[in-house]
Amino acid sequence: MEDEFLTVAEIADMLKLNQQTIRNWIDAGDLAAVRLGPRRVRVRRSELERFIAAGETAPEPQRRGAGSPEADDPATELRERIRVSIAETNAALEQDDDRLASSLDSLIEAAAG
């Protein structure tokens, strides 16, 4: 059976994440995708499942019981990349908010003056 292709929007909806987060993963090479144009990408369902499985962690008691430190957890790097991606997205949104507020202030001043 042929592998199904998913859009960024479909993946974001499935994972309850922002579409930009999915694009960041693709741009970083963490999630393999097929580019169909500058902004059109598709991800194979099997690749998404692999990506999700790579991020799964054992329940806390098992992790500690195995004697493996947190640094050896294979999902640690993925969690860190996700944390960085979220921080970058939040920073970009804050910059956009600042620019919009500045533009709005300029419009109000121009209308008042």
PDB file of N, CA and C in Angstrom:
ATOM      1  N   MET A   1       0.846  -1.191   0.000  1.00  0.00           N
ATOM      2  CA  MET A   1       0.000   0.000   0.000  1.00  0.00           C
ATOM      3  C   MET A   1       0.884   1.245   0.000  1.00  0.00           C
ATOM      4  N   GLU A   2       0.502   2.226  -0.776  1.00  0.00           N
ATOM      5  CA  GLU A   2       1.270   3.464  -0.903  1.00  0.00           C
ATOM      6  C   GLU A   2       1.116   4.321   0.352  1.00  0.00           C
ATOM      7  N   ASP A   3       2.221   4.966   0.735  1.00  0.00           N
ATOM      8  CA  ASP A   3       2.252   5.817   1.922  1.00  0.00           C
ATOM      9  C   ASP A   3       1.447   7.098   1.671  1.00  0.00           C
ATOM     10  N   GLU A   4       0.631   7.501   2.639  1.00  0.00           N
ATOM     11  CA  GLU A   4      -0.180   8.716   2.530  1.00  0.00           C
ATOM     12  C   GLU A   4       0.678   9.947   2.796  1.00  0.00           C
ATOM     13  N   PHE A   5       0.422  11.016   2.049  1.00  0.00           N
ATOM     14  CA  PHE A   5       1.109  12.288   2.269  1.00  0.00           C
ATOM     15  C   PHE A   5       0.204  13.225   3.062  1.00  0.00           C
ATOM     16  N   LEU A   6       0.801  13.934   4.016  1.00  0.00           N
ATOM     17  CA  LEU A   6       0.064  14.856   4.873  1.00  0.00           C
ATOM     18  C   LEU A   6       0.565  16.281   4.657  1.00  0.00           C
ATOM     19  N   THR A   7      -0.324  17.239   4.815  1.00  0.00           N
ATOM     20  CA  THR A   7       0.066  18.646   4.723  1.00  0.00           C
ATOM     21  C   THR A   7       0.548  19.126   6.088  1.00  0.00           C
ATOM     22  N   VAL A   8       1.219  20.254   6.093  1.00  0.00           N
ATOM     23  CA  VAL A   8       1.662  20.866   7.352  1.00  0.00           C
ATOM     24  C   VAL A   8       0.444  21.158   8.224  1.00  0.00           C
ATOM     25  N   ALA A   9      -0.622  21.651   7.626  1.00  0.00           N
ATOM     26  CA  ALA A   9      -1.834  21.975   8.382  1.00  0.00           C
ATOM     27  C   ALA A   9      -2.437  20.721   9.020  1.00  0.00           C
ATOM     28  N   GLU A  10      -2.455  19.631   8.291  1.00  0.00           N
ATOM     29  CA  GLU A  10      -3.001  18.384   8.838  1.00  0.00           C
ATOM     30  C   GLU A  10      -2.177  17.898  10.030  1.00  0.00           C
ATOM     31  N   ILE A  11      -0.860  17.967   9.890  1.00  0.00           N
ATOM     32  CA  ILE A  11       0.022  17.525  10.978  1.00  0.00           C
ATOM     33  C   ILE A  11      -0.150  18.429  12.197  1.00  0.00           C
ATOM     34  N   ALA A  12      -0.172  19.738  11.958  1.00  0.00           N
ATOM     35  CA  ALA A  12      -0.341  20.688  13.066  1.00  0.00           C
ATOM     36  C   ALA A  12      -1.656  20.425  13.799  1.00  0.00           C
ATOM     37  N   ASP A  13      -2.707  20.159  13.048  1.00  0.00           N
ATOM     38  CA  ASP A  13      -4.010  19.876  13.643  1.00  0.00           C
ATOM     39  C   ASP A  13      -3.964  18.581  14.454  1.00  0.00           C
ATOM     40  N   MET A  14      -3.331  17.546  13.900  1.00  0.00           N
ATOM     41  CA  MET A  14      -3.235  16.255  14.588  1.00  0.00           C
ATOM     42  C   MET A  14      -2.475  16.379  15.903  1.00  0.00           C
ATOM     43  N   LEU A  15      -1.377  17.151  15.889  1.00  0.00           N
ATOM     44  CA  LEU A  15      -0.509  17.266  17.062  1.00  0.00           C
ATOM     45  C   LEU A  15      -0.873  18.439  17.963  1.00  0.00           C
ATOM     46  N   LYS A  16      -1.890  19.213  17.553  1.00  0.00           N
ATOM     47  CA  LYS A  16      -2.321  20.391  18.312  1.00  0.00           C
ATOM     48  C   LYS A  16      -1.169  21.372  18.483  1.00  0.00           C
ATOM     49  N   LEU A  17      -0.485  21.661  17.366  1.00  0.00           N
ATOM     50  CA  LEU A  17       0.640  22.584  17.349  1.00  0.00           C
ATOM     51  C   LEU A  17       0.427  23.640  16.284  1.00  0.00           C
ATOM     52  N   ASN A  18       1.210  24.699  16.360  1.00  0.00           N
ATOM     53  CA  ASN A  18       1.187  25.743  15.347  1.00  0.00           C
ATOM     54  C   ASN A  18       1.853  25.213  14.076  1.00  0.00           C
ATOM     55  N   GLN A  19       1.347  25.610  12.923  1.00  0.00           N
ATOM     56  CA  GLN A  19       1.929  25.169  11.657  1.00  0.00           C
ATOM     57  C   GLN A  19       3.395  25.570  11.534  1.00  0.00           C
ATOM     58  N   GLN A  20       3.756  26.724  12.093  1.00  0.00           N
ATOM     59  CA  GLN A  20       5.142  27.182  12.008  1.00  0.00           C
ATOM     60  C   GLN A  20       6.080  26.223  12.739  1.00  0.00           C
ATOM     61  N   THR A  21       5.622  25.620  13.807  1.00  0.00           N
ATOM     62  CA  THR A  21       6.445  24.644  14.526  1.00  0.00           C
ATOM     63  C   THR A  21       6.772  23.464  13.616  1.00  0.00           C
ATOM     64  N   ILE A  22       5.790  22.992  12.870  1.00  0.00           N
ATOM     65  CA  ILE A  22       6.013  21.879  11.942  1.00  0.00           C
ATOM     66  C   ILE A  22       7.001  22.314  10.866  1.00  0.00           C
ATOM     67  N   ARG A  23       6.822  23.533  10.330  1.00  0.00           N
ATOM     68  CA  ARG A  23       7.745  24.039   9.305  1.00  0.00           C
ATOM     69  C   ARG A  23       9.170  24.160   9.858  1.00  0.00           C
ATOM     70  N   ASN A  24       9.298  24.585  11.111  1.00  0.00           N
ATOM     71  CA  ASN A  24      10.621  24.691  11.733  1.00  0.00           C
ATOM     72  C   ASN A  24      11.289  23.328  11.809  1.00  0.00           C
ATOM     73  N   TRP A  25      10.531  22.297  12.177  1.00  0.00           N
ATOM     74  CA  TRP A  25      11.087  20.939  12.227  1.00  0.00           C
ATOM     75  C   TRP A  25      11.557  20.501  10.849  1.00  0.00           C
ATOM     76  N   ILE A  26      10.763  20.820   9.828  1.00  0.00           N
ATOM     77  CA  ILE A  26      11.125  20.446   8.456  1.00  0.00           C
ATOM     78  C   ILE A  26      12.376  21.208   8.023  1.00  0.00           C
ATOM     79  N   ASP A  27      12.401  22.518   8.262  1.00  0.00           N
ATOM     80  CA  ASP A  27      13.549  23.339   7.879  1.00  0.00           C
ATOM     81  C   ASP A  27      14.824  22.908   8.595  1.00  0.00           C
ATOM     82  N   ALA A  28      14.689  22.438   9.843  1.00  0.00           N
ATOM     83  CA  ALA A  28      15.852  21.993  10.619  1.00  0.00           C
ATOM     84  C   ALA A  28      16.301  20.586  10.221  1.00  0.00           C
ATOM     85  N   GLY A  29      15.498  19.916   9.390  1.00  0.00           N
ATOM     86  CA  GLY A  29      15.846  18.562   8.975  1.00  0.00           C
ATOM     87  C   GLY A  29      15.423  17.494   9.964  1.00  0.00           C
ATOM     88  N   ASP A  30      14.657  17.871  10.966  1.00  0.00           N
ATOM     89  CA  ASP A  30      14.204  16.899  11.964  1.00  0.00           C
ATOM     90  C   ASP A  30      13.046  16.049  11.450  1.00  0.00           C
ATOM     91  N   LEU A  31      12.241  16.623  10.580  1.00  0.00           N
ATOM     92  CA  LEU A  31      11.095  15.928  10.005  1.00  0.00           C
ATOM     93  C   LEU A  31      11.257  15.958   8.492  1.00  0.00           C
ATOM     94  N   ALA A  32      11.449  14.790   7.898  1.00  0.00           N
ATOM     95  CA  ALA A  32      11.666  14.707   6.450  1.00  0.00           C
ATOM     96  C   ALA A  32      10.372  15.049   5.708  1.00  0.00           C
ATOM     97  N   ALA A  33      10.528  15.811   4.624  1.00  0.00           N
ATOM     98  CA  ALA A  33       9.368  16.237   3.840  1.00  0.00           C
ATOM     99  C   ALA A  33       9.741  16.284   2.368  1.00  0.00           C
ATOM    100  N   VAL A  34       8.714  16.283   1.542  1.00  0.00           N
ATOM    101  CA  VAL A  34       8.884  16.417   0.099  1.00  0.00           C
ATOM    102  C   VAL A  34       8.442  17.822  -0.266  1.00  0.00           C
ATOM    103  N   ARG A  35       9.342  18.595  -0.855  1.00  0.00           N
ATOM    104  CA  ARG A  35       9.012  19.968  -1.247  1.00  0.00           C
ATOM    105  C   ARG A  35       8.383  19.967  -2.645  1.00  0.00           C
ATOM    106  N   LEU A  36       7.243  20.632  -2.749  1.00  0.00           N
ATOM    107  CA  LEU A  36       6.536  20.745  -4.024  1.00  0.00           C
ATOM    108  C   LEU A  36       6.565  22.178  -4.532  1.00  0.00           C
ATOM    109  N   GLY A  37       7.281  23.029  -3.844  1.00  0.00           N
ATOM    110  CA  GLY A  37       7.391  24.441  -4.182  1.00  0.00           C
ATOM    111  C   GLY A  37       7.986  25.154  -2.989  1.00  0.00           C
ATOM    112  N   PRO A  38       8.087  26.468  -3.056  1.00  0.00           N
ATOM    113  CA  PRO A  38       8.722  27.209  -1.964  1.00  0.00           C
ATOM    114  C   PRO A  38       7.997  27.048  -0.617  1.00  0.00           C
ATOM    115  N   ARG A  39       6.681  26.959  -0.632  1.00  0.00           N
ATOM    116  CA  ARG A  39       5.926  26.847   0.623  1.00  0.00           C
ATOM    117  C   ARG A  39       5.046  25.602   0.671  1.00  0.00           C
ATOM    118  N   ARG A  40       5.139  24.782  -0.348  1.00  0.00           N
ATOM    119  CA  ARG A  40       4.297  23.587  -0.376  1.00  0.00           C
ATOM    120  C   ARG A  40       5.151  22.360  -0.075  1.00  0.00           C
ATOM    121  N   VAL A  41       4.830  21.736   1.031  1.00  0.00           N
ATOM    122  CA  VAL A  41       5.546  20.530   1.421  1.00  0.00           C
ATOM    123  C   VAL A  41       4.545  19.469   1.845  1.00  0.00           C
ATOM    124  N   ARG A  42       4.945  18.237   1.724  1.00  0.00           N
ATOM    125  CA  ARG A  42       4.137  17.110   2.180  1.00  0.00           C
ATOM    126  C   ARG A  42       5.047  16.180   2.978  1.00  0.00           C
ATOM    127  N   VAL A  43       4.461  15.555   3.975  1.00  0.00           N
ATOM    128  CA  VAL A  43       5.201  14.635   4.824  1.00  0.00           C
ATOM    129  C   VAL A  43       4.520  13.272   4.748  1.00  0.00           C
ATOM    130  N   ARG A  44       5.324  12.246   4.538  1.00  0.00           N
ATOM    131  CA  ARG A  44       4.767  10.894   4.513  1.00  0.00           C
ATOM    132  C   ARG A  44       4.286  10.530   5.918  1.00  0.00           C
ATOM    133  N   ARG A  45       3.139   9.872   5.984  1.00  0.00           N
ATOM    134  CA  ARG A  45       2.596   9.462   7.283  1.00  0.00           C
ATOM    135  C   ARG A  45       3.621   8.599   8.027  1.00  0.00           C
ATOM    136  N   SER A  46       4.314   7.711   7.316  1.00  0.00           N
ATOM    137  CA  SER A  46       5.307   6.846   7.965  1.00  0.00           C
ATOM    138  C   SER A  46       6.444   7.676   8.571  1.00  0.00           C
ATOM    139  N   GLU A  47       6.827   8.784   7.920  1.00  0.00           N
ATOM    140  CA  GLU A  47       7.876   9.653   8.457  1.00  0.00           C
ATOM    141  C   GLU A  47       7.382  10.359   9.722  1.00  0.00           C
ATOM    142  N   LEU A  48       6.141  10.816   9.714  1.00  0.00           N
ATOM    143  CA  LEU A  48       5.572  11.444  10.903  1.00  0.00           C
ATOM    144  C   LEU A  48       5.529  10.451  12.057  1.00  0.00           C
ATOM    145  N   GLU A  49       5.122   9.225  11.778  1.00  0.00           N
ATOM    146  CA  GLU A  49       5.067   8.199  12.820  1.00  0.00           C
ATOM    147  C   GLU A  49       6.469   7.910  13.371  1.00  0.00           C
ATOM    148  N   ARG A  50       7.483   7.879  12.502  1.00  0.00           N
ATOM    149  CA  ARG A  50       8.860   7.658  12.937  1.00  0.00           C
ATOM    150  C   ARG A  50       9.310   8.813  13.837  1.00  0.00           C
ATOM    151  N   PHE A  51       8.997  10.033  13.416  1.00  0.00           N
ATOM    152  CA  PHE A  51       9.366  11.233  14.167  1.00  0.00           C
ATOM    153  C   PHE A  51       8.731  11.214  15.556  1.00  0.00           C
ATOM    154  N   ILE A  52       7.461  10.867  15.617  1.00  0.00           N
ATOM    155  CA  ILE A  52       6.754  10.817  16.899  1.00  0.00           C
ATOM    156  C   ILE A  52       7.339   9.718  17.784  1.00  0.00           C
ATOM    157  N   ALA A  53       7.592   8.554  17.202  1.00  0.00           N
ATOM    158  CA  ALA A  53       8.157   7.444  17.972  1.00  0.00           C
ATOM    159  C   ALA A  53       9.527   7.806  18.535  1.00  0.00           C
ATOM    160  N   ALA A  54      10.312   8.557  17.778  1.00  0.00           N
ATOM    161  CA  ALA A  54      11.639   8.961  18.238  1.00  0.00           C
ATOM    162  C   ALA A  54      11.540   9.893  19.438  1.00  0.00           C
ATOM    163  N   GLY A  55      10.431  10.580  19.577  1.00  0.00           N
ATOM    164  CA  GLY A  55      10.252  11.510  20.680  1.00  0.00           C
ATOM    165  C   GLY A  55       9.587  10.901  21.898  1.00  0.00           C
ATOM    166  N   GLU A  56       9.134   9.662  21.776  1.00  0.00           N
ATOM    167  CA  GLU A  56       8.477   9.022  22.911  1.00  0.00           C
ATOM    168  C   GLU A  56       9.486   8.729  24.007  1.00  0.00           C
ATOM    169  N   THR A  57       9.030   8.857  25.231  1.00  0.00           N
ATOM    170  CA  THR A  57       9.889   8.565  26.375  1.00  0.00           C
ATOM    171  C   THR A  57       9.216   7.515  27.241  1.00  0.00           C
ATOM    172  N   ALA A  58      10.025   6.794  27.982  1.00  0.00           N
ATOM    173  CA  ALA A  58       9.488   5.813  28.917  1.00  0.00           C
ATOM    174  C   ALA A  58       8.912   6.555  30.114  1.00  0.00           C
ATOM    175  N   PRO A  59       7.972   5.952  30.806  1.00  0.00           N
ATOM    176  CA  PRO A  59       7.464   6.594  32.023  1.00  0.00           C
ATOM    177  C   PRO A  59       8.613   6.860  32.982  1.00  0.00           C
ATOM    178  N   GLU A  60       8.493   7.880  33.784  1.00  0.00           N
ATOM    179  CA  GLU A  60       9.557   8.324  34.696  1.00  0.00           C
ATOM    180  C   GLU A  60      10.139   7.192  35.546  1.00  0.00           C
ATOM    181  N   PRO A  61       9.338   6.334  36.195  1.00  0.00           N
ATOM    182  CA  PRO A  61       9.926   5.286  37.028  1.00  0.00           C
ATOM    183  C   PRO A  61      10.826   4.333  36.237  1.00  0.00           C
ATOM    184  N   GLN A  62      10.467   3.984  35.019  1.00  0.00           N
ATOM    185  CA  GLN A  62      11.284   3.082  34.207  1.00  0.00           C
ATOM    186  C   GLN A  62      12.606   3.738  33.848  1.00  0.00           C
ATOM    187  N   ARG A  63      12.573   5.017  33.516  1.00  0.00           N
ATOM    188  CA  ARG A  63      13.790   5.714  33.133  1.00  0.00           C
ATOM    189  C   ARG A  63      14.774   5.707  34.287  1.00  0.00           C
ATOM    190  N   ARG A  64      14.296   6.021  35.472  1.00  0.00           N
ATOM    191  CA  ARG A  64      15.180   6.049  36.638  1.00  0.00           C
ATOM    192  C   ARG A  64      15.609   4.655  37.027  1.00  0.00           C
ATOM    193  N   GLY A  65      14.691   3.701  36.919  1.00  0.00           N
ATOM    194  CA  GLY A  65      15.001   2.327  37.291  1.00  0.00           C
ATOM    195  C   GLY A  65      16.074   1.712  36.406  1.00  0.00           C
ATOM    196  N   ALA A  66      16.150   2.129  35.177  1.00  0.00           N
ATOM    197  CA  ALA A  66      17.140   1.584  34.259  1.00  0.00           C
ATOM    198  C   ALA A  66      18.526   2.133  34.557  1.00  0.00           C
ATOM    199  N   GLY A  67      18.619   3.167  35.365  1.00  0.00           N
ATOM    200  CA  GLY A  67      19.907   3.743  35.729  1.00  0.00           C
ATOM    201  C   GLY A  67      20.504   4.645  34.676  1.00  0.00           C
ATOM    202  N   SER A  68      19.736   4.982  33.652  1.00  0.00           N
ATOM    203  CA  SER A  68      20.238   5.861  32.599  1.00  0.00           C
ATOM    204  C   SER A  68      20.023   7.304  33.002  1.00  0.00           C
ATOM    205  N   PRO A  69      21.047   8.129  32.951  1.00  0.00           N
ATOM    206  CA  PRO A  69      20.838   9.545  33.252  1.00  0.00           C
ATOM    207  C   PRO A  69      20.014  10.208  32.170  1.00  0.00           C
ATOM    208  N   GLU A  70      19.396  11.300  32.530  1.00  0.00           N
ATOM    209  CA  GLU A  70      18.550  12.057  31.587  1.00  0.00           C
ATOM    210  C   GLU A  70      19.302  12.404  30.317  1.00  0.00           C
ATOM    211  N   ALA A  71      20.597  12.670  30.419  1.00  0.00           N
ATOM    212  CA  ALA A  71      21.376  13.075  29.249  1.00  0.00           C
ATOM    213  C   ALA A  71      21.469  11.951  28.223  1.00  0.00           C
ATOM    214  N   ASP A  72      21.335  10.693  28.641  1.00  0.00           N
ATOM    215  CA  ASP A  72      21.411   9.565  27.725  1.00  0.00           C
ATOM    216  C   ASP A  72      20.069   9.231  27.094  1.00  0.00           C
ATOM    217  N   ASP A  73      19.021   9.908  27.518  1.00  0.00           N
ATOM    218  CA  ASP A  73      17.688   9.678  26.974  1.00  0.00           C
ATOM    219  C   ASP A  73      17.695  10.080  25.504  1.00  0.00           C
ATOM    220  N   PRO A  74      17.339   9.162  24.579  1.00  0.00           N
ATOM    221  CA  PRO A  74      17.399   9.506  23.153  1.00  0.00           C
ATOM    222  C   PRO A  74      16.448  10.624  22.756  1.00  0.00           C
ATOM    223  N   ALA A  75      15.439  10.890  23.560  1.00  0.00           N
ATOM    224  CA  ALA A  75      14.483  11.944  23.221  1.00  0.00           C
ATOM    225  C   ALA A  75      14.909  13.308  23.759  1.00  0.00           C
ATOM    226  N   THR A  76      15.979  13.354  24.535  1.00  0.00           N
ATOM    227  CA  THR A  76      16.412  14.622  25.132  1.00  0.00           C
ATOM    228  C   THR A  76      16.729  15.659  24.064  1.00  0.00           C
ATOM    229  N   GLU A  77      17.456  15.246  23.033  1.00  0.00           N
ATOM    230  CA  GLU A  77      17.814  16.182  21.961  1.00  0.00           C
ATOM    231  C   GLU A  77      16.559  16.686  21.252  1.00  0.00           C
ATOM    232  N   LEU A  78      15.610  15.792  20.995  1.00  0.00           N
ATOM    233  CA  LEU A  78      14.371  16.196  20.332  1.00  0.00           C
ATOM    234  C   LEU A  78      13.595  17.182  21.196  1.00  0.00           C
ATOM    235  N   ARG A  79      13.504  16.912  22.500  1.00  0.00           N
ATOM    236  CA  ARG A  79      12.806  17.846  23.387  1.00  0.00           C
ATOM    237  C   ARG A  79      13.488  19.206  23.392  1.00  0.00           C
ATOM    238  N   GLU A  80      14.823  19.202  23.379  1.00  0.00           N
ATOM    239  CA  GLU A  80      15.562  20.470  23.363  1.00  0.00           C
ATOM    240  C   GLU A  80      15.301  21.236  22.072  1.00  0.00           C
ATOM    241  N   ARG A  81      15.287  20.526  20.950  1.00  0.00           N
ATOM    242  CA  ARG A  81      15.005  21.188  19.668  1.00  0.00           C
ATOM    243  C   ARG A  81      13.602  21.773  19.659  1.00  0.00           C
ATOM    244  N   ILE A  82      12.654  21.043  20.217  1.00  0.00           N
ATOM    245  CA  ILE A  82      11.278  21.538  20.286  1.00  0.00           C
ATOM    246  C   ILE A  82      11.228  22.776  21.178  1.00  0.00           C
ATOM    247  N   ARG A  83      11.928  22.731  22.328  1.00  0.00           N
ATOM    248  CA  ARG A  83      11.959  23.870  23.242  1.00  0.00           C
ATOM    249  C   ARG A  83      12.545  25.100  22.545  1.00  0.00           C
ATOM    250  N   VAL A  84      13.643  24.901  21.803  1.00  0.00           N
ATOM    251  CA  VAL A  84      14.275  26.008  21.082  1.00  0.00           C
ATOM    252  C   VAL A  84      13.338  26.531  20.001  1.00  0.00           C
ATOM    253  N   SER A  85      12.678  25.624  19.295  1.00  0.00           N
ATOM    254  CA  SER A  85      11.748  26.026  18.239  1.00  0.00           C
ATOM    255  C   SER A  85      10.608  26.871  18.810  1.00  0.00           C
ATOM    256  N   ILE A  86      10.090  26.458  19.937  1.00  0.00           N
ATOM    257  CA  ILE A  86       9.011  27.216  20.575  1.00  0.00           C
ATOM    258  C   ILE A  86       9.518  28.587  21.012  1.00  0.00           C
ATOM    259  N   ALA A  87      10.721  28.623  21.582  1.00  0.00           N
ATOM    260  CA  ALA A  87      11.293  29.900  22.023  1.00  0.00           C
ATOM    261  C   ALA A  87      11.516  30.838  20.832  1.00  0.00           C
ATOM    262  N   GLU A  88      12.012  30.289  19.719  1.00  0.00           N
ATOM    263  CA  GLU A  88      12.234  31.120  18.527  1.00  0.00           C
ATOM    264  C   GLU A  88      10.914  31.643  17.979  1.00  0.00           C
ATOM    265  N   THR A  89       9.902  30.786  17.959  1.00  0.00           N
ATOM    266  CA  THR A  89       8.590  31.203  17.468  1.00  0.00           C
ATOM    267  C   THR A  89       8.004  32.294  18.359  1.00  0.00           C
ATOM    268  N   ASN A  90       8.128  32.118  19.676  1.00  0.00           N
ATOM    269  CA  ASN A  90       7.626  33.134  20.602  1.00  0.00           C
ATOM    270  C   ASN A  90       8.361  34.459  20.424  1.00  0.00           C
ATOM    271  N   ALA A  91       9.669  34.402  20.221  1.00  0.00           N
ATOM    272  CA  ALA A  91      10.455  35.625  20.016  1.00  0.00           C
ATOM    273  C   ALA A  91      10.007  36.346  18.745  1.00  0.00           C
ATOM    274  N   ALA A  92       9.789  35.579  17.686  1.00  0.00           N
ATOM    275  CA  ALA A  92       9.335  36.169  16.424  1.00  0.00           C
ATOM    276  C   ALA A  92       7.960  36.808  16.597  1.00  0.00           C
ATOM    277  N   LEU A  93       7.077  36.150  17.337  1.00  0.00           N
ATOM    278  CA  LEU A  93       5.747  36.710  17.578  1.00  0.00           C
ATOM    279  C   LEU A  93       5.825  37.996  18.388  1.00  0.00           C
ATOM    280  N   GLU A  94       6.731  38.026  19.376  1.00  0.00           N
ATOM    281  CA  GLU A  94       6.889  39.245  20.170  1.00  0.00           C
ATOM    282  C   GLU A  94       7.397  40.394  19.311  1.00  0.00           C
ATOM    283  N   GLN A  95       8.331  40.120  18.386  1.00  0.00           N
ATOM    284  CA  GLN A  95       8.829  41.156  17.481  1.00  0.00           C
ATOM    285  C   GLN A  95       7.694  41.672  16.597  1.00  0.00           C
ATOM    286  N   ASP A  96       6.876  40.747  16.102  1.00  0.00           N
ATOM    287  CA  ASP A  96       5.739  41.155  15.285  1.00  0.00           C
ATOM    288  C   ASP A  96       4.782  42.024  16.086  1.00  0.00           C
ATOM    289  N   ASP A  97       4.534  41.648  17.344  1.00  0.00           N
ATOM    290  CA  ASP A  97       3.655  42.443  18.207  1.00  0.00           C
ATOM    291  C   ASP A  97       4.213  43.851  18.394  1.00  0.00           C
ATOM    292  N   ASP A  98       5.535  43.945  18.630  1.00  0.00           N
ATOM    293  CA  ASP A  98       6.171  45.250  18.814  1.00  0.00           C
ATOM    294  C   ASP A  98       6.039  46.106  17.556  1.00  0.00           C
ATOM    295  N   ARG A  99       6.262  45.505  16.390  1.00  0.00           N
ATOM    296  CA  ARG A  99       6.147  46.243  15.126  1.00  0.00           C
ATOM    297  C   ARG A  99       4.715  46.704  14.900  1.00  0.00           C
ATOM    298  N   LEU A 100       3.754  45.838  15.191  1.00  0.00           N
ATOM    299  CA  LEU A 100       2.347  46.215  15.012  1.00  0.00           C
ATOM    300  C   LEU A 100       1.961  47.344  15.963  1.00  0.00           C
ATOM    301  N   ALA A 101       2.414  47.259  17.200  1.00  0.00           N
ATOM    302  CA  ALA A 101       2.101  48.316  18.174  1.00  0.00           C
ATOM    303  C   ALA A 101       2.703  49.640  17.735  1.00  0.00           C
ATOM    304  N   SER A 102       3.932  49.599  17.234  1.00  0.00           N
ATOM    305  CA  SER A 102       4.588  50.819  16.761  1.00  0.00           C
ATOM    306  C   SER A 102       3.840  51.404  15.563  1.00  0.00           C
ATOM    307  N   SER A 103       3.432  50.546  14.644  1.00  0.00           N
ATOM    308  CA  SER A 103       2.681  51.011  13.469  1.00  0.00           C
ATOM    309  C   SER A 103       1.339  51.616  13.885  1.00  0.00           C
ATOM    310  N   LEU A 104       0.689  50.965  14.841  1.00  0.00           N
ATOM    311  CA  LEU A 104      -0.586  51.478  15.311  1.00  0.00           C
ATOM    312  C   LEU A 104      -0.417  52.835  15.973  1.00  0.00           C
ATOM    313  N   ASP A 105       0.639  52.989  16.790  1.00  0.00           N
ATOM    314  CA  ASP A 105       0.911  54.276  17.429  1.00  0.00           C
ATOM    315  C   ASP A 105       1.121  55.360  16.376  1.00  0.00           C
ATOM    316  N   SER A 106       1.881  55.021  15.309  1.00  0.00           N
ATOM    317  CA  SER A 106       2.143  55.996  14.236  1.00  0.00           C
ATOM    318  C   SER A 106       0.852  56.383  13.536  1.00  0.00           C
ATOM    319  N   LEU A 107      -0.023  55.431  13.290  1.00  0.00           N
ATOM    320  CA  LEU A 107      -1.308  55.713  12.641  1.00  0.00           C
ATOM    321  C   LEU A 107      -2.182  56.590  13.511  1.00  0.00           C
ATOM    322  N   ILE A 108      -2.182  56.322  14.801  1.00  0.00           N
ATOM    323  CA  ILE A 108      -2.999  57.124  15.717  1.00  0.00           C
ATOM    324  C   ILE A 108      -2.488  58.559  15.768  1.00  0.00           C
ATOM    325  N   GLU A 109      -1.147  58.704  15.829  1.00  0.00           N
ATOM    326  CA  GLU A 109      -0.558  60.039  15.856  1.00  0.00           C
ATOM    327  C   GLU A 109      -0.858  60.789  14.562  1.00  0.00           C
ATOM    328  N   ALA A 110      -0.773  60.109  13.440  1.00  0.00           N
ATOM    329  CA  ALA A 110      -1.032  60.750  12.139  1.00  0.00           C
ATOM    330  C   ALA A 110      -2.512  61.165  12.038  1.00  0.00           C
ATOM    331  N   ALA A 111      -3.382  60.338  12.544  1.00  0.00           N
ATOM    332  CA  ALA A 111      -4.818  60.643  12.484  1.00  0.00           C
ATOM    333  C   ALA A 111      -5.156  61.791  13.432  1.00  0.00           C
ATOM    334  N   ALA A 112      -4.478  61.859  14.557  1.00  0.00           N
ATOM    335  CA  ALA A 112      -4.760  62.897  15.552  1.00  0.00           C
ATOM    336  C   ALA A 112      -4.141  64.245  15.146  1.00  0.00           C
ATOM    337  N   GLY A 113      -3.032  64.162  14.387  1.00  0.00           N
ATOM    338  CA  GLY A 113      -2.320  65.401  14.080  1.00  0.00           C
ATOM    339  C   GLY A 113      -2.719  65.937  12.784  1.00  0.00           C
TER     340      GLY A 113
END
